[in-house]
């Protein structure tokens, strides 16, 4: 499944990107594509386990977003009709006005 993924935007290292794609494939093997919350939960929980707490995951076929994330911790990709946004959140004091 992950071989059909199209990465739209990322600043992750290649190994972390591969983990994201593999986990998305695993989630789509376990859940129907309509079970977007369950897909997001599996990816988020696995990334929390692998890379520390604070990951956020959004899965759907139509959504907008504007997020602040840790450098090197952002990927947005598509598998079929589903878009997956995965990032580790941060509060950036520099951007506060």
Foldseek 3Di string as FASTA:
>chain_A
DLVQKDWDDFQADPVVVVLLSVLLVVLVVVDPLVPQVSSQVSSQVVCCVVPNDQKGKGKDQDDDDDAAADGNFWTWMDRPSMIMTMGRHDDDPVPDD
